[in-house]
Amino acid sequence: MLHPEVQAKAQHELDQVLGRGPRRLPEFSDQSSLPYVTAVVREVLRWRPATPTGVPHLAGADDIYEGYRIPKGAFVIGNAW
């Protein structure tokens, strides 16, 4: 909404690859033909990740990280922001 020129360029790329009129949805096989749309999606996810706290992991061994002890079996959740 803040950058209509980006939206217009992405729409143009989609129209070129998917055609106009009755449209189909993009498929993974279209990704190599949609470099601008792919870049826009990656930037949006970088700017506002869908999961800002990341995916939980389980510590497989005792560890020390920046002075903090992380015991084996502890849940570790990275901050994507």
PDB file of N, CA and C in Angstrom:
ATOM      1  N   MET A   1       0.821  -1.184   0.000  1.00  0.00           N
ATOM      2  CA  MET A   1       0.000   0.000   0.000  1.00  0.00           C
ATOM      3  C   MET A   1       0.871   1.255   0.000  1.00  0.00           C
ATOM      4  N   LEU A   2       2.010   1.191   0.669  1.00  0.00           N
ATOM      5  CA  LEU A   2       2.879   2.367   0.712  1.00  0.00           C
ATOM      6  C   LEU A   2       3.702   2.529  -0.566  1.00  0.00           C
ATOM      7  N   HIS A   3       3.844   1.449  -1.335  1.00  0.00           N
ATOM      8  CA  HIS A   3       4.681   1.484  -2.531  1.00  0.00           C
ATOM      9  C   HIS A   3       3.911   0.902  -3.721  1.00  0.00           C
ATOM     10  N   PRO A   4       2.970   1.664  -4.287  1.00  0.00           N
ATOM     11  CA  PRO A   4       2.165   1.137  -5.387  1.00  0.00           C
ATOM     12  C   PRO A   4       2.995   0.776  -6.619  1.00  0.00           C
ATOM     13  N   GLU A   5       4.154   1.400  -6.781  1.00  0.00           N
ATOM     14  CA  GLU A   5       5.004   1.069  -7.925  1.00  0.00           C
ATOM     15  C   GLU A   5       5.560  -0.354  -7.818  1.00  0.00           C
ATOM     16  N   VAL A   6       5.818  -0.793  -6.593  1.00  0.00           N
ATOM     17  CA  VAL A   6       6.287  -2.168  -6.373  1.00  0.00           C
ATOM     18  C   VAL A   6       5.159  -3.152  -6.683  1.00  0.00           C
ATOM     19  N   GLN A   7       3.973  -2.840  -6.210  1.00  0.00           N
ATOM     20  CA  GLN A   7       2.812  -3.690  -6.478  1.00  0.00           C
ATOM     21  C   GLN A   7       2.539  -3.779  -7.982  1.00  0.00           C
ATOM     22  N   ALA A   8       2.628  -2.656  -8.681  1.00  0.00           N
ATOM     23  CA  ALA A   8       2.370  -2.644 -10.129  1.00  0.00           C
ATOM     24  C   ALA A   8       3.413  -3.468 -10.876  1.00  0.00           C
ATOM     25  N   LYS A   9       4.683  -3.358 -10.475  1.00  0.00           N
ATOM     26  CA  LYS A   9       5.741  -4.125 -11.134  1.00  0.00           C
ATOM     27  C   LYS A   9       5.569  -5.624 -10.884  1.00  0.00           C
ATOM     28  N   ALA A  10       5.203  -5.983  -9.659  1.00  0.00           N
ATOM     29  CA  ALA A  10       4.964  -7.395  -9.338  1.00  0.00           C
ATOM     30  C   ALA A  10       3.754  -7.923 -10.108  1.00  0.00           C
ATOM     31  N   GLN A  11       2.703  -7.113 -10.207  1.00  0.00           N
ATOM     32  CA  GLN A  11       1.511  -7.540 -10.949  1.00  0.00           C
ATOM     33  C   GLN A  11       1.826  -7.733 -12.425  1.00  0.00           C
ATOM     34  N   HIS A  12       2.637  -6.843 -12.969  1.00  0.00           N
ATOM     35  CA  HIS A  12       3.036  -6.964 -14.376  1.00  0.00           C
ATOM     36  C   HIS A  12       3.795  -8.271 -14.610  1.00  0.00           C
ATOM     37  N   GLU A  13       4.715  -8.588 -13.698  1.00  0.00           N
ATOM     38  CA  GLU A  13       5.475  -9.836 -13.825  1.00  0.00           C
ATOM     39  C   GLU A  13       4.542 -11.045 -13.745  1.00  0.00           C
ATOM     40  N   LEU A  14       3.593 -11.014 -12.817  1.00  0.00           N
ATOM     41  CA  LEU A  14       2.619 -12.114 -12.713  1.00  0.00           C
ATOM     42  C   LEU A  14       1.795 -12.239 -13.987  1.00  0.00           C
ATOM     43  N   ASP A  15       1.347 -11.109 -14.530  1.00  0.00           N
ATOM     44  CA  ASP A  15       0.562 -11.135 -15.767  1.00  0.00           C
ATOM     45  C   ASP A  15       1.364 -11.727 -16.920  1.00  0.00           C
ATOM     46  N   GLN A  16       2.666 -11.406 -16.984  1.00  0.00           N
ATOM     47  CA  GLN A  16       3.512 -11.923 -18.058  1.00  0.00           C
ATOM     48  C   GLN A  16       3.668 -13.441 -17.967  1.00  0.00           C
ATOM     49  N   VAL A  17       3.775 -13.958 -16.759  1.00  0.00           N
ATOM     50  CA  VAL A  17       4.019 -15.388 -16.571  1.00  0.00           C
ATOM     51  C   VAL A  17       2.714 -16.187 -16.564  1.00  0.00           C
ATOM     52  N   LEU A  18       1.685 -15.667 -15.896  1.00  0.00           N
ATOM     53  CA  LEU A  18       0.443 -16.424 -15.715  1.00  0.00           C
ATOM     54  C   LEU A  18      -0.619 -16.073 -16.739  1.00  0.00           C
ATOM     55  N   GLY A  19      -0.435 -14.974 -17.454  1.00  0.00           N
ATOM     56  CA  GLY A  19      -1.419 -14.543 -18.432  1.00  0.00           C
ATOM     57  C   GLY A  19      -2.508 -13.713 -17.783  1.00  0.00           C
ATOM     58  N   ARG A  20      -3.281 -13.074 -18.631  1.00  0.00           N
ATOM     59  CA  ARG A  20      -4.405 -12.263 -18.160  1.00  0.00           C
ATOM     60  C   ARG A  20      -5.677 -13.049 -18.380  1.00  0.00           C
ATOM     61  N   GLY A  21      -6.770 -12.491 -17.952  1.00  0.00           N
ATOM     62  CA  GLY A  21      -8.043 -13.195 -18.111  1.00  0.00           C
ATOM     63  C   GLY A  21      -8.235 -14.195 -16.990  1.00  0.00           C
ATOM     64  N   PRO A  22      -8.886 -15.334 -17.272  1.00  0.00           N
ATOM     65  CA  PRO A  22      -9.050 -16.332 -16.207  1.00  0.00           C
ATOM     66  C   PRO A  22      -7.678 -16.820 -15.771  1.00  0.00           C
ATOM     67  N   ARG A  23      -7.306 -16.502 -14.577  1.00  0.00           N
ATOM     68  CA  ARG A  23      -5.947 -16.784 -14.114  1.00  0.00           C
ATOM     69  C   ARG A  23      -5.874 -18.063 -13.315  1.00  0.00           C
ATOM     70  N   ARG A  24      -4.690 -18.596 -13.309  1.00  0.00           N
ATOM     71  CA  ARG A  24      -4.370 -19.700 -12.409  1.00  0.00           C
ATOM     72  C   ARG A  24      -3.464 -19.134 -11.316  1.00  0.00           C
ATOM     73  N   LEU A  25      -3.357 -19.852 -10.234  1.00  0.00           N
ATOM     74  CA  LEU A  25      -2.454 -19.427  -9.176  1.00  0.00           C
ATOM     75  C   LEU A  25      -1.025 -19.802  -9.549  1.00  0.00           C
ATOM     76  N   PRO A  26      -0.040 -19.041  -9.080  1.00  0.00           N
ATOM     77  CA  PRO A  26       1.352 -19.414  -9.353  1.00  0.00           C
ATOM     78  C   PRO A  26       1.681 -20.737  -8.677  1.00  0.00           C
ATOM     79  N   GLU A  27       2.556 -21.482  -9.292  1.00  0.00           N
ATOM     80  CA  GLU A  27       3.014 -22.756  -8.742  1.00  0.00           C
ATOM     81  C   GLU A  27       4.511 -22.659  -8.462  1.00  0.00           C
ATOM     82  N   PHE A  28       5.029 -23.603  -7.698  1.00  0.00           N
ATOM     83  CA  PHE A  28       6.459 -23.581  -7.389  1.00  0.00           C
ATOM     84  C   PHE A  28       7.298 -23.629  -8.665  1.00  0.00           C
ATOM     85  N   SER A  29       6.803 -24.279  -9.679  1.00  0.00           N
ATOM     86  CA  SER A  29       7.547 -24.362 -10.943  1.00  0.00           C
ATOM     87  C   SER A  29       7.647 -22.994 -11.636  1.00  0.00           C
ATOM     88  N   ASP A  30       6.825 -22.032 -11.251  1.00  0.00           N
ATOM     89  CA  ASP A  30       6.865 -20.682 -11.822  1.00  0.00           C
ATOM     90  C   ASP A  30       7.912 -19.799 -11.151  1.00  0.00           C
ATOM     91  N   GLN A  31       8.461 -20.226 -10.040  1.00  0.00           N
ATOM     92  CA  GLN A  31       9.322 -19.352  -9.242  1.00  0.00           C
ATOM     93  C   GLN A  31      10.520 -18.815 -10.025  1.00  0.00           C
ATOM     94  N   SER A  32      11.138 -19.632 -10.854  1.00  0.00           N
ATOM     95  CA  SER A  32      12.302 -19.150 -11.606  1.00  0.00           C
ATOM     96  C   SER A  32      11.907 -18.067 -12.618  1.00  0.00           C
ATOM     97  N   SER A  33      10.644 -18.016 -13.002  1.00  0.00           N
ATOM     98  CA  SER A  33      10.155 -17.005 -13.939  1.00  0.00           C
ATOM     99  C   SER A  33       9.624 -15.760 -13.233  1.00  0.00           C
ATOM    100  N   LEU A  34       9.617 -15.774 -11.904  1.00  0.00           N
ATOM    101  CA  LEU A  34       9.073 -14.653 -11.126  1.00  0.00           C
ATOM    102  C   LEU A  34      10.121 -14.106 -10.145  1.00  0.00           C
ATOM    103  N   PRO A  35      11.272 -13.642 -10.637  1.00  0.00           N
ATOM    104  CA  PRO A  35      12.313 -13.190  -9.704  1.00  0.00           C
ATOM    105  C   PRO A  35      11.913 -11.965  -8.880  1.00  0.00           C
ATOM    106  N   TYR A  36      11.170 -11.036  -9.473  1.00  0.00           N
ATOM    107  CA  TYR A  36      10.777  -9.834  -8.732  1.00  0.00           C
ATOM    108  C   TYR A  36       9.766 -10.172  -7.648  1.00  0.00           C
ATOM    109  N   VAL A  37       8.767 -10.976  -7.980  1.00  0.00           N
ATOM    110  CA  VAL A  37       7.763 -11.382  -6.989  1.00  0.00           C
ATOM    111  C   VAL A  37       8.439 -12.159  -5.861  1.00  0.00           C
ATOM    112  N   THR A  38       9.374 -13.038  -6.217  1.00  0.00           N
ATOM    113  CA  THR A  38      10.104 -13.800  -5.200  1.00  0.00           C
ATOM    114  C   THR A  38      10.865 -12.862  -4.271  1.00  0.00           C
ATOM    115  N   ALA A  39      11.514 -11.839  -4.838  1.00  0.00           N
ATOM    116  CA  ALA A  39      12.256 -10.875  -4.022  1.00  0.00           C
ATOM    117  C   ALA A  39      11.326 -10.081  -3.110  1.00  0.00           C
ATOM    118  N   VAL A  40      10.146  -9.696  -3.618  1.00  0.00           N
ATOM    119  CA  VAL A  40       9.182  -8.951  -2.804  1.00  0.00           C
ATOM    120  C   VAL A  40       8.707  -9.811  -1.636  1.00  0.00           C
ATOM    121  N   VAL A  41       8.384 -11.062  -1.906  1.00  0.00           N
ATOM    122  CA  VAL A  41       7.923 -11.963  -0.841  1.00  0.00           C
ATOM    123  C   VAL A  41       9.011 -12.148   0.206  1.00  0.00           C
ATOM    124  N   ARG A  42      10.250 -12.352  -0.223  1.00  0.00           N
ATOM    125  CA  ARG A  42      11.359 -12.524   0.736  1.00  0.00           C
ATOM    126  C   ARG A  42      11.567 -11.275   1.579  1.00  0.00           C
ATOM    127  N   GLU A  43      11.453 -10.106   0.967  1.00  0.00           N
ATOM    128  CA  GLU A  43      11.630  -8.863   1.723  1.00  0.00           C
ATOM    129  C   GLU A  43      10.514  -8.670   2.734  1.00  0.00           C
ATOM    130  N   VAL A  44       9.285  -8.977   2.343  1.00  0.00           N
ATOM    131  CA  VAL A  44       8.160  -8.849   3.279  1.00  0.00           C
ATOM    132  C   VAL A  44       8.353  -9.800   4.461  1.00  0.00           C
ATOM    133  N   LEU A  45       8.776 -11.027   4.191  1.00  0.00           N
ATOM    134  CA  LEU A  45       8.986 -11.989   5.280  1.00  0.00           C
ATOM    135  C   LEU A  45      10.190 -11.612   6.133  1.00  0.00           C
ATOM    136  N   ARG A  46      11.195 -10.962   5.543  1.00  0.00           N
ATOM    137  CA  ARG A  46      12.330 -10.484   6.339  1.00  0.00           C
ATOM    138  C   ARG A  46      11.901  -9.333   7.239  1.00  0.00           C
ATOM    139  N   TRP A  47      11.089  -8.440   6.669  1.00  0.00           N
ATOM    140  CA  TRP A  47      10.663  -7.253   7.394  1.00  0.00           C
ATOM    141  C   TRP A  47       9.667  -7.590   8.500  1.00  0.00           C
ATOM    142  N   ARG A  48       8.729  -8.480   8.202  1.00  0.00           N
ATOM    143  CA  ARG A  48       7.723  -8.904   9.169  1.00  0.00           C
ATOM    144  C   ARG A  48       7.566 -10.420   9.103  1.00  0.00           C
ATOM    145  N   PRO A  49       8.448 -11.163   9.778  1.00  0.00           N
ATOM    146  CA  PRO A  49       8.364 -12.623   9.713  1.00  0.00           C
ATOM    147  C   PRO A  49       7.036 -13.136  10.259  1.00  0.00           C
ATOM    148  N   ALA A  50       6.564 -14.235   9.680  1.00  0.00           N
ATOM    149  CA  ALA A  50       5.299 -14.827  10.115  1.00  0.00           C
ATOM    150  C   ALA A  50       5.419 -15.386  11.531  1.00  0.00           C
ATOM    151  N   THR A  51       6.607 -15.831  11.885  1.00  0.00           N
ATOM    152  CA  THR A  51       6.853 -16.353  13.233  1.00  0.00           C
ATOM    153  C   THR A  51       8.033 -15.590  13.836  1.00  0.00           C
ATOM    154  N   PRO A  52       7.767 -14.443  14.485  1.00  0.00           N
ATOM    155  CA  PRO A  52       8.866 -13.604  14.967  1.00  0.00           C
ATOM    156  C   PRO A  52       9.756 -14.276  16.000  1.00  0.00           C
ATOM    157  N   THR A  53       9.253 -15.294  16.670  1.00  0.00           N
ATOM    158  CA  THR A  53      10.099 -15.966  17.651  1.00  0.00           C
ATOM    159  C   THR A  53      10.769 -17.199  17.079  1.00  0.00           C
ATOM    160  N   GLY A  54      10.590 -17.471  15.809  1.00  0.00           N
ATOM    161  CA  GLY A  54      11.260 -18.609  15.201  1.00  0.00           C
ATOM    162  C   GLY A  54      10.629 -19.931  15.592  1.00  0.00           C
ATOM    163  N   VAL A  55      11.304 -20.996  15.229  1.00  0.00           N
ATOM    164  CA  VAL A  55      10.825 -22.354  15.486  1.00  0.00           C
ATOM    165  C   VAL A  55      11.578 -22.901  16.690  1.00  0.00           C
ATOM    166  N   PRO A  56      10.879 -23.468  17.677  1.00  0.00           N
ATOM    167  CA  PRO A  56      11.572 -24.007  18.851  1.00  0.00           C
ATOM    168  C   PRO A  56      12.481 -25.181  18.485  1.00  0.00           C
ATOM    169  N   HIS A  57      13.622 -25.230  19.118  1.00  0.00           N
ATOM    170  CA  HIS A  57      14.567 -26.339  18.969  1.00  0.00           C
ATOM    171  C   HIS A  57      14.833 -26.930  20.352  1.00  0.00           C
ATOM    172  N   LEU A  58      15.351 -28.126  20.375  1.00  0.00           N
ATOM    173  CA  LEU A  58      15.683 -28.807  21.621  1.00  0.00           C
ATOM    174  C   LEU A  58      17.202 -28.933  21.698  1.00  0.00           C
ATOM    175  N   ALA A  59      17.794 -28.473  22.797  1.00  0.00           N
ATOM    176  CA  ALA A  59      19.245 -28.579  22.955  1.00  0.00           C
ATOM    177  C   ALA A  59      19.626 -30.051  23.075  1.00  0.00           C
ATOM    178  N   GLY A  60      20.530 -30.497  22.215  1.00  0.00           N
ATOM    179  CA  GLY A  60      20.941 -31.905  22.204  1.00  0.00           C
ATOM    180  C   GLY A  60      22.041 -32.216  23.193  1.00  0.00           C
ATOM    181  N   ALA A  61      22.682 -31.179  23.723  1.00  0.00           N
ATOM    182  CA  ALA A  61      23.768 -31.365  24.687  1.00  0.00           C
ATOM    183  C   ALA A  61      23.860 -30.111  25.550  1.00  0.00           C
ATOM    184  N   ASP A  62      24.482 -30.250  26.728  1.00  0.00           N
ATOM    185  CA  ASP A  62      24.729 -29.072  27.552  1.00  0.00           C
ATOM    186  C   ASP A  62      25.600 -28.099  26.766  1.00  0.00           C
ATOM    187  N   ASP A  63      25.345 -26.797  26.944  1.00  0.00           N
ATOM    188  CA  ASP A  63      26.102 -25.794  26.208  1.00  0.00           C
ATOM    189  C   ASP A  63      26.162 -24.522  27.024  1.00  0.00           C
ATOM    190  N   ILE A  64      27.114 -23.687  26.694  1.00  0.00           N
ATOM    191  CA  ILE A  64      27.218 -22.349  27.286  1.00  0.00           C
ATOM    192  C   ILE A  64      27.220 -21.372  26.115  1.00  0.00           C
ATOM    193  N   TYR A  65      26.291 -20.414  26.151  1.00  0.00           N
ATOM    194  CA  TYR A  65      26.208 -19.421  25.091  1.00  0.00           C
ATOM    195  C   TYR A  65      26.241 -18.046  25.725  1.00  0.00           C
ATOM    196  N   GLU A  66      27.273 -17.273  25.394  1.00  0.00           N
ATOM    197  CA  GLU A  66      27.470 -15.924  25.923  1.00  0.00           C
ATOM    198  C   GLU A  66      27.257 -15.874  27.440  1.00  0.00           C
ATOM    199  N   GLY A  67      27.828 -16.871  28.124  1.00  0.00           N
ATOM    200  CA  GLY A  67      27.777 -16.904  29.578  1.00  0.00           C
ATOM    201  C   GLY A  67      26.538 -17.557  30.156  1.00  0.00           C
ATOM    202  N   TYR A  68      25.580 -17.933  29.320  1.00  0.00           N
ATOM    203  CA  TYR A  68      24.359 -18.580  29.795  1.00  0.00           C
ATOM    204  C   TYR A  68      24.472 -20.087  29.609  1.00  0.00           C
ATOM    205  N   ARG A  69      24.148 -20.836  30.663  1.00  0.00           N
ATOM    206  CA  ARG A  69      24.160 -22.293  30.579  1.00  0.00           C
ATOM    207  C   ARG A  69      22.843 -22.768  29.979  1.00  0.00           C
ATOM    208  N   ILE A  70      22.941 -23.606  28.952  1.00  0.00           N
ATOM    209  CA  ILE A  70      21.764 -24.200  28.319  1.00  0.00           C
ATOM    210  C   ILE A  70      21.860 -25.700  28.553  1.00  0.00           C
ATOM    211  N   PRO A  71      21.003 -26.243  29.426  1.00  0.00           N
ATOM    212  CA  PRO A  71      21.091 -27.669  29.710  1.00  0.00           C
ATOM    213  C   PRO A  71      20.533 -28.524  28.574  1.00  0.00           C
ATOM    214  N   LYS A  72      21.052 -29.733  28.452  1.00  0.00           N
ATOM    215  CA  LYS A  72      20.541 -30.678  27.459  1.00  0.00           C
ATOM    216  C   LYS A  72      19.035 -30.862  27.689  1.00  0.00           C
ATOM    217  N   GLY A  73      18.269 -30.850  26.594  1.00  0.00           N
ATOM    218  CA  GLY A  73      16.820 -31.033  26.687  1.00  0.00           C
ATOM    219  C   GLY A  73      16.031 -29.740  26.828  1.00  0.00           C
ATOM    220  N   ALA A  74      16.728 -28.602  26.961  1.00  0.00           N
ATOM    221  CA  ALA A  74      16.032 -27.317  27.097  1.00  0.00           C
ATOM    222  C   ALA A  74      15.510 -26.865  25.740  1.00  0.00           C
ATOM    223  N   PHE A  75      14.355 -26.188  25.741  1.00  0.00           N
ATOM    224  CA  PHE A  75      13.832 -25.585  24.519  1.00  0.00           C
ATOM    225  C   PHE A  75      14.588 -24.293  24.257  1.00  0.00           C
ATOM    226  N   VAL A  76      15.004 -24.111  22.999  1.00  0.00           N
ATOM    227  CA  VAL A  76      15.708 -22.890  22.588  1.00  0.00           C
ATOM    228  C   VAL A  76      14.899 -22.285  21.448  1.00  0.00           C
ATOM    229  N   ILE A  77      14.505 -21.018  21.611  1.00  0.00           N
ATOM    230  CA  ILE A  77      13.704 -20.345  20.592  1.00  0.00           C
ATOM    231  C   ILE A  77      14.457 -19.085  20.178  1.00  0.00           C
ATOM    232  N   GLY A  78      14.865 -19.036  18.926  1.00  0.00           N
ATOM    233  CA  GLY A  78      15.581 -17.873  18.411  1.00  0.00           C
ATOM    234  C   GLY A  78      14.618 -16.732  18.107  1.00  0.00           C
ATOM    235  N   ASN A  79      15.102 -15.515  18.232  1.00  0.00           N
ATOM    236  CA  ASN A  79      14.311 -14.336  17.923  1.00  0.00           C
ATOM    237  C   ASN A  79      14.623 -13.888  16.501  1.00  0.00           C
ATOM    238  N   ALA A  80      13.675 -14.019  15.581  1.00  0.00           N
ATOM    239  CA  ALA A  80      13.898 -13.645  14.183  1.00  0.00           C
ATOM    240  C   ALA A  80      14.037 -12.135  14.012  1.00  0.00           C
ATOM    241  N   TRP A  81      13.532 -11.339  14.914  1.00  0.00           N
ATOM    242  CA  TRP A  81      13.648  -9.888  14.809  1.00  0.00           C
ATOM    243  C   TRP A  81      14.941  -9.431  15.404  1.00  0.00           C
TER     244      TRP A  81
END
